[in-house]
Amino acid sequence: MKNILFILFIFLFFSCDKASDDPESISEELTLQEKEDLQFLKEEEKLARDVYLYAFDLYAYKVFENISKSEQMHMNKVTKIMNVYQVEDLSLPERGKFTNAELQKLYDDLTELCDRSLDDALIAGATIEDVDIKDIEDFIQNTDLQDVMNMYLSLSCGSRNHMRTFTKSLTTLGIEYEPQFITEKEYIEIINHSNEKCNF
């Protein structure tokens, strides 16, 4: 009998220890705001990817293709967190289609801008990163969960690098981007800083 109890204790000990290391076992509940933030961000990262793919199809400008792949990685990171906390994914599989009406309009407006010229497509890219950085800054204020926070910080880092890439391309064309969502001070700090190593 003692042997059976000892074996049972060992089994439970290792089972509990394994569960504590498994991110899928996280039992904390997200607030409604945290869930909505993740759902919005997943579609916002999809918007970035889809606009860049649209622009690449138009101009075959390599920057759009490269950053679209990075945006897919961003989407994957958001999806991973959503799966951990069992948040419903509202994003649609079709390119250029969005559940969120605000993001659908933004996509339509930005692709219309892309249609005008390569210069305008690069401005659309800088605009996307501009709004992404601002939104993520807002989302960070809505959570105290470390894994969610880390994901936000990683994506924000990537967006800053993308902003640098787009503004550098615009500068070579003699165009200066003017920030629309983040502050002028923050924008200058970003473009004056070298690319960062982000956690992907």
C-alpha atoms as a PDB file:
ATOM      1  CA  MET A   1       0.000   0.000   0.000  1.00  0.00           C
ATOM      2  CA  LYS A   2       2.846   2.367   0.912  1.00  0.00           C
ATOM      3  CA  ASN A   3       4.537   1.618  -2.404  1.00  0.00           C
ATOM      4  CA  ILE A   4       1.352   2.466  -4.295  1.00  0.00           C
ATOM      5  CA  LEU A   5       0.994   5.775  -2.432  1.00  0.00           C
ATOM      6  CA  PHE A   6       4.654   6.621  -3.084  1.00  0.00           C
ATOM      7  CA  ILE A   7       4.293   5.933  -6.832  1.00  0.00           C
ATOM      8  CA  LEU A   8       1.122   8.034  -6.936  1.00  0.00           C
ATOM      9  CA  PHE A   9       2.927  10.898  -5.184  1.00  0.00           C
ATOM     10  CA  ILE A  10       5.817  10.780  -7.660  1.00  0.00           C
ATOM     11  CA  PHE A  11       3.388  10.757 -10.601  1.00  0.00           C
ATOM     12  CA  LEU A  12       1.461  13.757  -9.290  1.00  0.00           C
ATOM     13  CA  PHE A  13       4.655  15.648  -8.488  1.00  0.00           C
ATOM     14  CA  PHE A  14       6.059  15.330 -11.982  1.00  0.00           C
ATOM     15  CA  SER A  15       2.689  15.965 -13.613  1.00  0.00           C
ATOM     16  CA  CYS A  16       2.290  19.229 -11.729  1.00  0.00           C
ATOM     17  CA  ASP A  17       5.867  20.242 -12.441  1.00  0.00           C
ATOM     18  CA  LYS A  18       5.407  19.619 -16.162  1.00  0.00           C
ATOM     19  CA  ALA A  19       2.140  21.591 -16.217  1.00  0.00           C
ATOM     20  CA  SER A  20       3.819  24.609 -14.673  1.00  0.00           C
ATOM     21  CA  ASP A  21       6.278  24.699 -17.597  1.00  0.00           C
ATOM     22  CA  ASP A  22       3.603  24.293 -20.262  1.00  0.00           C
ATOM     23  CA  PRO A  23       2.270  27.612 -21.595  1.00  0.00           C
ATOM     24  CA  GLU A  24      -0.884  25.840 -22.729  1.00  0.00           C
ATOM     25  CA  SER A  25      -1.716  25.164 -19.057  1.00  0.00           C
ATOM     26  CA  ILE A  26      -2.001  28.848 -18.130  1.00  0.00           C
ATOM     27  CA  SER A  27      -5.306  29.256 -16.319  1.00  0.00           C
ATOM     28  CA  GLU A  28      -5.467  33.031 -15.835  1.00  0.00           C
ATOM     29  CA  GLU A  29      -8.485  34.720 -17.332  1.00  0.00           C
ATOM     30  CA  LEU A  30      -8.136  37.676 -19.662  1.00  0.00           C
ATOM     31  CA  THR A  31     -10.315  40.702 -19.216  1.00  0.00           C
ATOM     32  CA  LEU A  32     -12.762  41.536 -21.992  1.00  0.00           C
ATOM     33  CA  GLN A  33     -10.501  44.450 -22.959  1.00  0.00           C
ATOM     34  CA  GLU A  34      -7.456  42.191 -23.231  1.00  0.00           C
ATOM     35  CA  LYS A  35      -9.397  39.779 -25.463  1.00  0.00           C
ATOM     36  CA  GLU A  36     -10.635  42.580 -27.699  1.00  0.00           C
ATOM     37  CA  ASP A  37      -7.117  44.014 -27.940  1.00  0.00           C
ATOM     38  CA  LEU A  38      -5.741  40.662 -29.108  1.00  0.00           C
ATOM     39  CA  GLN A  39      -8.532  40.175 -31.630  1.00  0.00           C
ATOM     40  CA  PHE A  40      -7.989  43.653 -33.030  1.00  0.00           C
ATOM     41  CA  LEU A  41      -4.211  43.261 -33.131  1.00  0.00           C
ATOM     42  CA  LYS A  42      -4.417  39.965 -35.013  1.00  0.00           C
ATOM     43  CA  GLU A  43      -6.446  41.655 -37.743  1.00  0.00           C
ATOM     44  CA  GLU A  44      -4.250  44.753 -37.663  1.00  0.00           C
ATOM     45  CA  GLU A  45      -1.148  42.638 -38.316  1.00  0.00           C
ATOM     46  CA  LYS A  46      -3.044  40.866 -41.104  1.00  0.00           C
ATOM     47  CA  LEU A  47      -3.905  44.264 -42.573  1.00  0.00           C
ATOM     48  CA  ALA A  48      -0.208  45.155 -42.646  1.00  0.00           C
ATOM     49  CA  ARG A  49       0.686  41.881 -44.336  1.00  0.00           C
ATOM     50  CA  ASP A  50      -2.117  42.167 -46.887  1.00  0.00           C
ATOM     51  CA  VAL A  51      -1.361  45.783 -47.815  1.00  0.00           C
ATOM     52  CA  TYR A  52       2.326  44.959 -48.304  1.00  0.00           C
ATOM     53  CA  LEU A  53       1.484  41.979 -50.481  1.00  0.00           C
ATOM     54  CA  TYR A  54      -0.851  44.217 -52.488  1.00  0.00           C
ATOM     55  CA  ALA A  55       1.900  46.816 -52.924  1.00  0.00           C
ATOM     56  CA  PHE A  56       4.439  44.163 -53.884  1.00  0.00           C
ATOM     57  CA  ASP A  57       2.081  42.840 -56.562  1.00  0.00           C
ATOM     58  CA  LEU A  58       1.889  46.375 -57.972  1.00  0.00           C
ATOM     59  CA  TYR A  59       5.534  47.416 -57.896  1.00  0.00           C
ATOM     60  CA  ALA A  60       7.645  44.303 -57.175  1.00  0.00           C
ATOM     61  CA  TYR A  61       9.522  46.454 -54.637  1.00  0.00           C
ATOM     62  CA  LYS A  62      11.398  43.978 -52.446  1.00  0.00           C
ATOM     63  CA  VAL A  63      10.848  45.888 -49.198  1.00  0.00           C
ATOM     64  CA  PHE A  64       7.137  45.081 -49.323  1.00  0.00           C
ATOM     65  CA  GLU A  65       7.749  41.379 -49.789  1.00  0.00           C
ATOM     66  CA  ASN A  66      10.300  41.210 -46.972  1.00  0.00           C
ATOM     67  CA  ILE A  67       8.158  43.091 -44.472  1.00  0.00           C
ATOM     68  CA  SER A  68       5.028  41.117 -45.414  1.00  0.00           C
ATOM     69  CA  LYS A  69       6.872  37.989 -44.251  1.00  0.00           C
ATOM     70  CA  SER A  70       7.715  39.699 -40.983  1.00  0.00           C
ATOM     71  CA  GLU A  71       4.057  40.655 -40.551  1.00  0.00           C
ATOM     72  CA  GLN A  72       3.121  36.992 -40.947  1.00  0.00           C
ATOM     73  CA  MET A  73       5.470  36.260 -38.063  1.00  0.00           C
ATOM     74  CA  HIS A  74       3.714  38.976 -36.062  1.00  0.00           C
ATOM     75  CA  MET A  75       0.363  37.329 -36.809  1.00  0.00           C
ATOM     76  CA  ASN A  76       1.740  33.983 -35.659  1.00  0.00           C
ATOM     77  CA  LYS A  77       2.907  35.459 -32.347  1.00  0.00           C
ATOM     78  CA  VAL A  78      -0.511  36.968 -31.667  1.00  0.00           C
ATOM     79  CA  THR A  79      -2.198  33.689 -32.634  1.00  0.00           C
ATOM     80  CA  LYS A  80       0.006  31.769 -30.203  1.00  0.00           C
ATOM     81  CA  ILE A  81      -1.039  33.993 -27.295  1.00  0.00           C
ATOM     82  CA  MET A  82      -4.689  33.815 -28.361  1.00  0.00           C
ATOM     83  CA  ASN A  83      -4.484  30.022 -28.354  1.00  0.00           C
ATOM     84  CA  VAL A  84      -2.955  29.970 -24.882  1.00  0.00           C
ATOM     85  CA  TYR A  85      -5.846  32.025 -23.495  1.00  0.00           C
ATOM     86  CA  GLN A  86      -8.466  30.486 -25.787  1.00  0.00           C
ATOM     87  CA  VAL A  87      -9.426  33.791 -27.387  1.00  0.00           C
ATOM     88  CA  GLU A  88     -11.637  33.485 -30.453  1.00  0.00           C
ATOM     89  CA  ASP A  89      -9.788  34.414 -33.652  1.00  0.00           C
ATOM     90  CA  LEU A  90     -12.027  36.706 -35.712  1.00  0.00           C
ATOM     91  CA  SER A  91      -9.584  37.169 -38.602  1.00  0.00           C
ATOM     92  CA  LEU A  92     -10.660  36.000 -42.042  1.00  0.00           C
ATOM     93  CA  PRO A  93      -8.469  33.842 -44.306  1.00  0.00           C
ATOM     94  CA  GLU A  94      -9.024  35.894 -47.471  1.00  0.00           C
ATOM     95  CA  ARG A  95      -6.536  38.613 -48.309  1.00  0.00           C
ATOM     96  CA  GLY A  96      -8.014  42.079 -47.901  1.00  0.00           C
ATOM     97  CA  LYS A  97     -11.037  40.914 -45.893  1.00  0.00           C
ATOM     98  CA  PHE A  98     -11.577  41.898 -42.264  1.00  0.00           C
ATOM     99  CA  THR A  99     -14.211  41.314 -39.609  1.00  0.00           C
ATOM    100  CA  ASN A 100     -13.510  44.686 -38.012  1.00  0.00           C
ATOM    101  CA  ALA A 101     -15.180  47.426 -40.074  1.00  0.00           C
ATOM    102  CA  GLU A 102     -12.614  50.039 -39.015  1.00  0.00           C
ATOM    103  CA  LEU A 103      -9.761  47.890 -40.279  1.00  0.00           C
ATOM    104  CA  GLN A 104     -11.642  47.048 -43.468  1.00  0.00           C
ATOM    105  CA  LYS A 105     -11.972  50.760 -44.245  1.00  0.00           C
ATOM    106  CA  LEU A 106      -8.325  51.377 -43.400  1.00  0.00           C
ATOM    107  CA  TYR A 107      -7.265  48.566 -45.721  1.00  0.00           C
ATOM    108  CA  ASP A 108      -9.419  49.950 -48.536  1.00  0.00           C
ATOM    109  CA  ASP A 109      -8.030  53.461 -48.028  1.00  0.00           C
ATOM    110  CA  LEU A 110      -4.421  52.294 -47.903  1.00  0.00           C
ATOM    111  CA  THR A 111      -4.635  50.086 -50.983  1.00  0.00           C
ATOM    112  CA  GLU A 112      -6.249  52.991 -52.819  1.00  0.00           C
ATOM    113  CA  LEU A 113      -3.239  55.066 -51.760  1.00  0.00           C
ATOM    114  CA  CYS A 114      -0.915  52.319 -53.000  1.00  0.00           C
ATOM    115  CA  ASP A 115      -2.580  52.459 -56.420  1.00  0.00           C
ATOM    116  CA  ARG A 116      -1.352  56.014 -56.973  1.00  0.00           C
ATOM    117  CA  SER A 117       2.416  55.441 -57.038  1.00  0.00           C
ATOM    118  CA  LEU A 118       5.331  53.655 -55.397  1.00  0.00           C
ATOM    119  CA  ASP A 119       5.954  56.794 -53.332  1.00  0.00           C
ATOM    120  CA  ASP A 120       2.408  56.649 -51.978  1.00  0.00           C
ATOM    121  CA  ALA A 121       2.691  52.916 -51.306  1.00  0.00           C
ATOM    122  CA  LEU A 122       5.756  53.576 -49.146  1.00  0.00           C
ATOM    123  CA  ILE A 123       3.837  56.304 -47.303  1.00  0.00           C
ATOM    124  CA  ALA A 124       1.065  53.748 -46.738  1.00  0.00           C
ATOM    125  CA  GLY A 125       3.669  51.412 -45.242  1.00  0.00           C
ATOM    126  CA  ALA A 126       5.006  54.072 -42.878  1.00  0.00           C
ATOM    127  CA  THR A 127       1.429  54.930 -41.897  1.00  0.00           C
ATOM    128  CA  ILE A 128       0.679  51.317 -40.997  1.00  0.00           C
ATOM    129  CA  GLU A 129       3.730  51.089 -38.741  1.00  0.00           C
ATOM    130  CA  ASP A 130       2.851  54.473 -37.252  1.00  0.00           C
ATOM    131  CA  VAL A 131      -0.615  53.330 -36.198  1.00  0.00           C
ATOM    132  CA  ASP A 132       0.648  49.883 -35.120  1.00  0.00           C
ATOM    133  CA  ILE A 133       3.140  51.400 -32.696  1.00  0.00           C
ATOM    134  CA  LYS A 134       0.486  53.695 -31.218  1.00  0.00           C
ATOM    135  CA  ASP A 135      -2.086  50.931 -30.840  1.00  0.00           C
ATOM    136  CA  ILE A 136       0.362  48.561 -29.180  1.00  0.00           C
ATOM    137  CA  GLU A 137       1.371  51.303 -26.747  1.00  0.00           C
ATOM    138  CA  ASP A 138      -2.310  51.564 -25.799  1.00  0.00           C
ATOM    139  CA  PHE A 139      -2.712  47.784 -25.505  1.00  0.00           C
ATOM    140  CA  ILE A 140       0.286  47.539 -23.176  1.00  0.00           C
ATOM    141  CA  GLN A 141      -1.568  49.773 -20.719  1.00  0.00           C
ATOM    142  CA  ASN A 142      -4.430  47.264 -20.614  1.00  0.00           C
ATOM    143  CA  THR A 143      -2.540  44.198 -19.379  1.00  0.00           C
ATOM    144  CA  ASP A 144      -0.260  43.080 -16.596  1.00  0.00           C
ATOM    145  CA  LEU A 145       0.279  39.549 -17.923  1.00  0.00           C
ATOM    146  CA  GLN A 146       3.967  39.074 -18.673  1.00  0.00           C
ATOM    147  CA  ASP A 147       3.613  36.794 -21.695  1.00  0.00           C
ATOM    148  CA  VAL A 148       1.099  39.126 -23.328  1.00  0.00           C
ATOM    149  CA  MET A 149       3.300  42.114 -22.496  1.00  0.00           C
ATOM    150  CA  ASN A 150       6.364  40.409 -23.986  1.00  0.00           C
ATOM    151  CA  MET A 151       4.490  39.719 -27.203  1.00  0.00           C
ATOM    152  CA  TYR A 152       3.407  43.358 -27.441  1.00  0.00           C
ATOM    153  CA  LEU A 153       6.958  44.591 -26.860  1.00  0.00           C
ATOM    154  CA  SER A 154       8.306  42.231 -29.505  1.00  0.00           C
ATOM    155  CA  LEU A 155       5.784  43.414 -32.103  1.00  0.00           C
ATOM    156  CA  SER A 156       6.391  47.056 -31.256  1.00  0.00           C
ATOM    157  CA  CYS A 157      10.106  46.498 -31.747  1.00  0.00           C
ATOM    158  CA  GLY A 158       9.421  44.982 -35.169  1.00  0.00           C
ATOM    159  CA  SER A 159       7.180  47.888 -36.127  1.00  0.00           C
ATOM    160  CA  ARG A 160       9.893  50.381 -35.227  1.00  0.00           C
ATOM    161  CA  ASN A 161      12.318  48.543 -37.500  1.00  0.00           C
ATOM    162  CA  HIS A 162       9.733  48.562 -40.294  1.00  0.00           C
ATOM    163  CA  MET A 163       9.182  52.278 -39.779  1.00  0.00           C
ATOM    164  CA  ARG A 164      12.912  52.842 -40.217  1.00  0.00           C
ATOM    165  CA  THR A 165      12.924  50.815 -43.430  1.00  0.00           C
ATOM    166  CA  PHE A 166       9.996  52.667 -44.982  1.00  0.00           C
ATOM    167  CA  THR A 167      11.216  56.126 -44.001  1.00  0.00           C
ATOM    168  CA  LYS A 168      14.701  55.331 -45.316  1.00  0.00           C
ATOM    169  CA  SER A 169      13.178  54.330 -48.668  1.00  0.00           C
ATOM    170  CA  LEU A 170      11.126  57.525 -48.698  1.00  0.00           C
ATOM    171  CA  THR A 171      14.172  59.643 -47.874  1.00  0.00           C
ATOM    172  CA  THR A 172      16.048  58.251 -50.880  1.00  0.00           C
ATOM    173  CA  LEU A 173      13.108  59.471 -52.977  1.00  0.00           C
ATOM    174  CA  GLY A 174      13.270  62.922 -51.401  1.00  0.00           C
ATOM    175  CA  ILE A 175      10.118  62.423 -49.326  1.00  0.00           C
ATOM    176  CA  GLU A 176       9.843  63.096 -45.596  1.00  0.00           C
ATOM    177  CA  TYR A 177       7.190  61.146 -43.722  1.00  0.00           C
ATOM    178  CA  GLU A 178       5.181  63.069 -41.142  1.00  0.00           C
ATOM    179  CA  PRO A 179       3.879  60.967 -38.218  1.00  0.00           C
ATOM    180  CA  GLN A 180       0.113  60.873 -37.839  1.00  0.00           C
ATOM    181  CA  PHE A 181      -0.374  58.750 -34.694  1.00  0.00           C
ATOM    182  CA  ILE A 182       2.790  58.663 -32.597  1.00  0.00           C
ATOM    183  CA  THR A 183       4.331  61.945 -31.446  1.00  0.00           C
ATOM    184  CA  GLU A 184       6.931  63.827 -33.459  1.00  0.00           C
ATOM    185  CA  LYS A 185       9.397  63.280 -30.607  1.00  0.00           C
ATOM    186  CA  GLU A 186       8.858  59.530 -30.581  1.00  0.00           C
ATOM    187  CA  TYR A 187       9.094  59.363 -34.371  1.00  0.00           C
ATOM    188  CA  ILE A 188      12.433  61.214 -34.419  1.00  0.00           C
ATOM    189  CA  GLU A 189      13.803  58.924 -31.691  1.00  0.00           C
ATOM    190  CA  ILE A 190      12.807  55.899 -33.754  1.00  0.00           C
ATOM    191  CA  ILE A 191      14.303  56.953 -37.070  1.00  0.00           C
ATOM    192  CA  ASN A 192      17.490  58.211 -35.420  1.00  0.00           C
ATOM    193  CA  HIS A 193      18.040  54.835 -33.752  1.00  0.00           C
ATOM    194  CA  SER A 194      19.603  51.850 -35.498  1.00  0.00           C
ATOM    195  CA  ASN A 195      17.581  48.693 -36.096  1.00  0.00           C
ATOM    196  CA  GLU A 196      16.830  46.666 -32.981  1.00  0.00           C
ATOM    197  CA  LYS A 197      17.015  42.940 -32.339  1.00  0.00           C
ATOM    198  CA  CYS A 198      13.463  41.804 -31.636  1.00  0.00           C
ATOM    199  CA  ASN A 199      12.378  38.592 -29.960  1.00  0.00           C
ATOM    200  CA  PHE A 200      10.951  36.455 -32.787  1.00  0.00           C
END
